[in-house]
Amino acid sequence: MRKWSAVTVVYILALILLWVYTGRVGMENRGFVFAGYGLTWGALLWYAFRLESRERTTARAVESFEVAGAEE
């Protein structure tokens, strides 16, 4: 089972609250709508960058492990 970090949980809850509040306010205050879109795209880009960074780190670790195994 995936373990969620506290930052991720707080961020998701903040997005949900923002969407609920935006729905109640309606289109009277479009700043909240644009803030919601900005936070969502920011979260998606951050997550994609984090995954790519993790894959690069894993590939480097596997490569160094293979090189160390070949030297023995």
N, C-alpha and C. Protein backbone atom coordinates (compact mmCIF):
# COMPACT_ATOMS: atom_id res chain seq x y z
N MET A 1 0.84 -1.19 0.00
CA MET A 1 0.00 0.00 0.00
C MET A 1 0.88 1.25 0.00
N ARG A 2 0.47 2.25 -0.76
CA ARG A 2 1.25 3.48 -0.89
C ARG A 2 1.12 4.32 0.36
N LYS A 3 2.26 4.81 0.84
CA LYS A 3 2.25 5.67 2.02
C LYS A 3 2.25 7.12 1.55
N TRP A 4 1.24 7.87 1.96
CA TRP A 4 1.09 9.26 1.55
C TRP A 4 1.87 10.15 2.51
N SER A 5 2.59 11.12 1.98
CA SER A 5 3.30 12.06 2.84
C SER A 5 2.30 13.09 3.37
N ALA A 6 2.65 13.71 4.48
CA ALA A 6 1.77 14.71 5.10
C ALA A 6 1.55 15.90 4.17
N VAL A 7 2.58 16.28 3.45
CA VAL A 7 2.46 17.41 2.52
C VAL A 7 1.45 17.10 1.42
N THR A 8 1.48 15.88 0.89
CA THR A 8 0.55 15.48 -0.16
C THR A 8 -0.88 15.50 0.36
N VAL A 9 -1.11 14.98 1.55
CA VAL A 9 -2.45 14.93 2.12
C VAL A 9 -2.98 16.33 2.35
N VAL A 10 -2.17 17.20 2.93
CA VAL A 10 -2.60 18.59 3.18
C VAL A 10 -2.90 19.29 1.86
N TYR A 11 -2.06 19.08 0.85
CA TYR A 11 -2.27 19.71 -0.46
C TYR A 11 -3.58 19.25 -1.09
N ILE A 12 -3.86 17.95 -1.03
CA ILE A 12 -5.11 17.43 -1.60
C ILE A 12 -6.31 17.99 -0.86
N LEU A 13 -6.25 18.03 0.46
CA LEU A 13 -7.35 18.60 1.24
C LEU A 13 -7.56 20.08 0.92
N ALA A 14 -6.47 20.81 0.75
CA ALA A 14 -6.59 22.23 0.41
C ALA A 14 -7.24 22.40 -0.96
N LEU A 15 -6.88 21.55 -1.92
CA LEU A 15 -7.51 21.62 -3.24
C LEU A 15 -9.01 21.33 -3.16
N ILE A 16 -9.37 20.31 -2.37
CA ILE A 16 -10.79 19.96 -2.23
C ILE A 16 -11.56 21.11 -1.61
N LEU A 17 -11.01 21.70 -0.55
CA LEU A 17 -11.68 22.83 0.09
C LEU A 17 -11.79 24.02 -0.87
N LEU A 18 -10.75 24.25 -1.65
CA LEU A 18 -10.79 25.34 -2.62
C LEU A 18 -11.87 25.10 -3.66
N TRP A 19 -11.98 23.85 -4.16
CA TRP A 19 -13.01 23.55 -5.15
C TRP A 19 -14.41 23.69 -4.55
N VAL A 20 -14.59 23.25 -3.31
CA VAL A 20 -15.90 23.39 -2.66
C VAL A 20 -16.25 24.85 -2.51
N TYR A 21 -15.29 25.65 -2.03
CA TYR A 21 -15.54 27.07 -1.84
C TYR A 21 -15.80 27.75 -3.18
N THR A 22 -15.06 27.37 -4.20
CA THR A 22 -15.25 27.95 -5.53
C THR A 22 -16.65 27.64 -6.05
N GLY A 23 -17.11 26.42 -5.81
CA GLY A 23 -18.45 26.04 -6.24
C GLY A 23 -19.52 26.85 -5.53
N ARG A 24 -19.32 27.16 -4.26
CA ARG A 24 -20.31 27.95 -3.52
C ARG A 24 -20.29 29.40 -3.95
N VAL A 25 -19.11 29.93 -4.19
CA VAL A 25 -19.01 31.33 -4.58
C VAL A 25 -19.52 31.50 -6.01
N GLY A 26 -19.33 30.47 -6.81
CA GLY A 26 -19.74 30.53 -8.20
C GLY A 26 -18.75 31.33 -9.02
N MET A 27 -19.24 31.96 -10.04
CA MET A 27 -18.34 32.72 -10.91
C MET A 27 -18.26 34.19 -10.49
N GLU A 28 -18.73 34.51 -9.29
CA GLU A 28 -18.65 35.89 -8.82
C GLU A 28 -17.20 36.30 -8.60
N ASN A 29 -16.41 35.36 -8.11
CA ASN A 29 -15.01 35.66 -7.83
C ASN A 29 -14.14 34.67 -8.61
N ARG A 30 -13.74 35.07 -9.79
CA ARG A 30 -12.99 34.16 -10.66
C ARG A 30 -11.57 33.92 -10.19
N GLY A 31 -11.08 34.74 -9.28
CA GLY A 31 -9.72 34.54 -8.77
C GLY A 31 -9.57 33.19 -8.12
N PHE A 32 -10.60 32.73 -7.42
CA PHE A 32 -10.52 31.42 -6.77
C PHE A 32 -10.48 30.30 -7.80
N VAL A 33 -11.21 30.49 -8.90
CA VAL A 33 -11.20 29.48 -9.96
C VAL A 33 -9.81 29.37 -10.56
N PHE A 34 -9.21 30.52 -10.88
CA PHE A 34 -7.87 30.51 -11.48
C PHE A 34 -6.83 30.00 -10.48
N ALA A 35 -7.02 30.31 -9.20
CA ALA A 35 -6.10 29.79 -8.18
C ALA A 35 -6.19 28.26 -8.14
N GLY A 36 -7.39 27.73 -8.24
CA GLY A 36 -7.57 26.28 -8.25
C GLY A 36 -6.90 25.63 -9.44
N TYR A 37 -7.06 26.26 -10.62
CA TYR A 37 -6.40 25.73 -11.80
C TYR A 37 -4.88 25.80 -11.65
N GLY A 38 -4.38 26.90 -11.12
CA GLY A 38 -2.94 27.06 -10.94
C GLY A 38 -2.37 26.03 -9.97
N LEU A 39 -3.07 25.82 -8.86
CA LEU A 39 -2.61 24.82 -7.89
C LEU A 39 -2.63 23.42 -8.47
N THR A 40 -3.67 23.12 -9.25
CA THR A 40 -3.78 21.79 -9.84
C THR A 40 -2.65 21.53 -10.83
N TRP A 41 -2.42 22.48 -11.75
CA TRP A 41 -1.35 22.30 -12.73
C TRP A 41 0.01 22.29 -12.05
N GLY A 42 0.16 23.12 -11.02
CA GLY A 42 1.42 23.11 -10.27
C GLY A 42 1.68 21.76 -9.63
N ALA A 43 0.62 21.18 -9.06
CA ALA A 43 0.76 19.86 -8.42
C ALA A 43 1.11 18.79 -9.44
N LEU A 44 0.46 18.83 -10.60
CA LEU A 44 0.74 17.83 -11.63
C LEU A 44 2.17 17.94 -12.16
N LEU A 45 2.62 19.17 -12.39
CA LEU A 45 3.99 19.35 -12.88
C LEU A 45 5.02 18.94 -11.83
N TRP A 46 4.76 19.29 -10.57
CA TRP A 46 5.67 18.91 -9.49
C TRP A 46 5.75 17.39 -9.36
N TYR A 47 4.60 16.72 -9.44
CA TYR A 47 4.56 15.27 -9.32
C TYR A 47 5.30 14.60 -10.48
N ALA A 48 5.08 15.12 -11.70
CA ALA A 48 5.76 14.56 -12.87
C ALA A 48 7.27 14.75 -12.75
N PHE A 49 7.70 15.92 -12.29
CA PHE A 49 9.13 16.17 -12.12
C PHE A 49 9.71 15.25 -11.06
N ARG A 50 8.96 15.03 -9.98
CA ARG A 50 9.42 14.16 -8.90
C ARG A 50 9.56 12.72 -9.40
N LEU A 51 8.58 12.25 -10.19
CA LEU A 51 8.67 10.89 -10.73
C LEU A 51 9.86 10.74 -11.66
N GLU A 52 10.07 11.74 -12.52
CA GLU A 52 11.19 11.67 -13.46
C GLU A 52 12.52 11.68 -12.70
N SER A 53 12.60 12.50 -11.68
CA SER A 53 13.82 12.57 -10.87
C SER A 53 14.07 11.23 -10.19
N ARG A 54 13.00 10.62 -9.68
CA ARG A 54 13.14 9.32 -9.00
C ARG A 54 13.60 8.25 -9.99
N GLU A 55 13.07 8.28 -11.22
CA GLU A 55 13.47 7.29 -12.22
C GLU A 55 14.94 7.46 -12.60
N ARG A 56 15.40 8.72 -12.73
CA ARG A 56 16.80 8.95 -13.06
C ARG A 56 17.71 8.46 -11.93
N THR A 57 17.30 8.71 -10.70
CA THR A 57 18.10 8.26 -9.56
C THR A 57 18.16 6.74 -9.52
N THR A 58 17.04 6.09 -9.78
CA THR A 58 17.00 4.62 -9.79
C THR A 58 17.88 4.07 -10.91
N ALA A 59 17.82 4.69 -12.09
CA ALA A 59 18.63 4.23 -13.22
C ALA A 59 20.12 4.36 -12.90
N ARG A 60 20.50 5.49 -12.25
CA ARG A 60 21.90 5.66 -11.87
C ARG A 60 22.34 4.61 -10.86
N ALA A 61 21.47 4.32 -9.91
CA ALA A 61 21.81 3.32 -8.89
C ALA A 61 21.97 1.93 -9.51
N VAL A 62 21.08 1.58 -10.43
CA VAL A 62 21.17 0.28 -11.10
C VAL A 62 22.44 0.21 -11.93
N GLU A 63 22.76 1.31 -12.62
CA GLU A 63 23.96 1.33 -13.46
C GLU A 63 25.23 1.19 -12.61
N SER A 64 25.30 1.90 -11.50
CA SER A 64 26.49 1.79 -10.65
C SER A 64 26.58 0.40 -10.02
N PHE A 65 25.44 -0.19 -9.73
CA PHE A 65 25.43 -1.55 -9.17
C PHE A 65 25.94 -2.54 -10.21
N GLU A 66 25.51 -2.37 -11.47
CA GLU A 66 25.96 -3.27 -12.53
C GLU A 66 27.46 -3.11 -12.77
N VAL A 67 27.96 -1.88 -12.73
CA VAL A 67 29.39 -1.64 -12.94
C VAL A 67 30.18 -2.27 -11.79
N ALA A 68 29.69 -2.12 -10.57
CA ALA A 68 30.38 -2.70 -9.42
C ALA A 68 30.38 -4.23 -9.52
N GLY A 69 29.29 -4.80 -10.02
CA GLY A 69 29.21 -6.25 -10.18
C GLY A 69 30.15 -6.75 -11.25
N ALA A 70 30.35 -5.96 -12.30
CA ALA A 70 31.23 -6.37 -13.39
C ALA A 70 32.69 -6.32 -12.97
N GLU A 71 33.03 -5.41 -12.04
CA GLU A 71 34.42 -5.28 -11.61
C GLU A 71 34.86 -6.43 -10.72
N GLU A 72 33.91 -7.08 -10.08
CA GLU A 72 34.27 -8.15 -9.14
C GLU A 72 34.69 -9.41 -9.82
